[in-house]
Amino acid sequence: MHHALFDGGACNLENLHLAGVSAGTYELVAYPVLVHGADAAPVRAVLVQPA
């Protein structure tokens, strides 16, 4: 499944814990953490709520 998504240009984020986030509209920004020699990497995920 992941390969089909990636081949289509999509990315996936796994294990996001959003249970404590209030309902609303947010922008999700995922800053990748560089891991040399890896084909995947962790990200620092940030939710931004518009003003």
Protein backbone atom coordinates (compact mmCIF):
# COMPACT_ATOMS: atom_id res chain seq x y z
CA MET A 1 0.00 0.00 0.00
CA HIS A 2 2.76 2.47 0.89
CA HIS A 3 4.47 1.96 -2.47
CA ALA A 4 1.24 2.72 -4.34
CA LEU A 5 0.88 5.97 -2.40
CA PHE A 6 4.49 7.00 -2.88
CA ASP A 7 4.39 6.20 -6.60
CA GLY A 8 1.48 8.63 -6.84
CA GLY A 9 3.47 11.37 -5.08
CA ALA A 10 1.75 11.05 -1.70
CA CYS A 11 3.39 10.98 1.70
CA ASN A 12 2.12 9.38 4.87
CA LEU A 13 2.56 10.26 8.51
CA GLU A 14 2.13 7.46 11.02
CA ASN A 15 1.68 7.46 14.78
CA LEU A 16 0.41 11.02 15.16
CA HIS A 17 -1.26 11.42 18.55
CA LEU A 18 -3.99 13.99 18.03
CA ALA A 19 -6.42 12.96 20.78
CA GLY A 20 -5.71 16.12 22.79
CA VAL A 21 -6.26 18.51 19.89
CA SER A 22 -9.47 20.55 19.89
CA ALA A 23 -11.76 20.27 16.88
CA GLY A 24 -11.07 22.89 14.25
CA THR A 25 -9.21 23.72 11.08
CA TYR A 26 -5.45 23.39 11.15
CA GLU A 27 -2.50 23.29 8.81
CA LEU A 28 -0.18 20.35 9.40
CA VAL A 29 3.49 21.03 8.75
CA ALA A 30 5.94 18.11 8.89
CA TYR A 31 9.59 19.08 9.12
CA PRO A 32 11.73 16.05 8.16
CA VAL A 33 14.65 15.01 10.33
CA LEU A 34 17.56 14.05 8.07
CA VAL A 35 18.77 10.49 8.60
CA HIS A 36 21.69 9.68 6.30
CA GLY A 37 21.34 6.43 4.37
CA ALA A 38 17.67 5.93 5.27
CA ASP A 39 14.75 5.66 2.87
CA ALA A 40 12.38 7.09 5.47
CA ALA A 41 12.77 9.56 8.30
CA PRO A 42 10.98 10.86 11.37
CA VAL A 43 9.39 14.28 11.22
CA ARG A 44 8.69 17.04 13.69
CA ALA A 45 4.95 17.49 13.13
CA VAL A 46 3.48 20.90 13.93
CA LEU A 47 -0.19 21.93 13.86
CA VAL A 48 -0.77 25.58 13.00
CA GLN A 49 -4.17 27.08 13.70
CA PRO A 50 -5.00 30.05 11.47
CA ALA A 51 -5.53 33.36 13.23
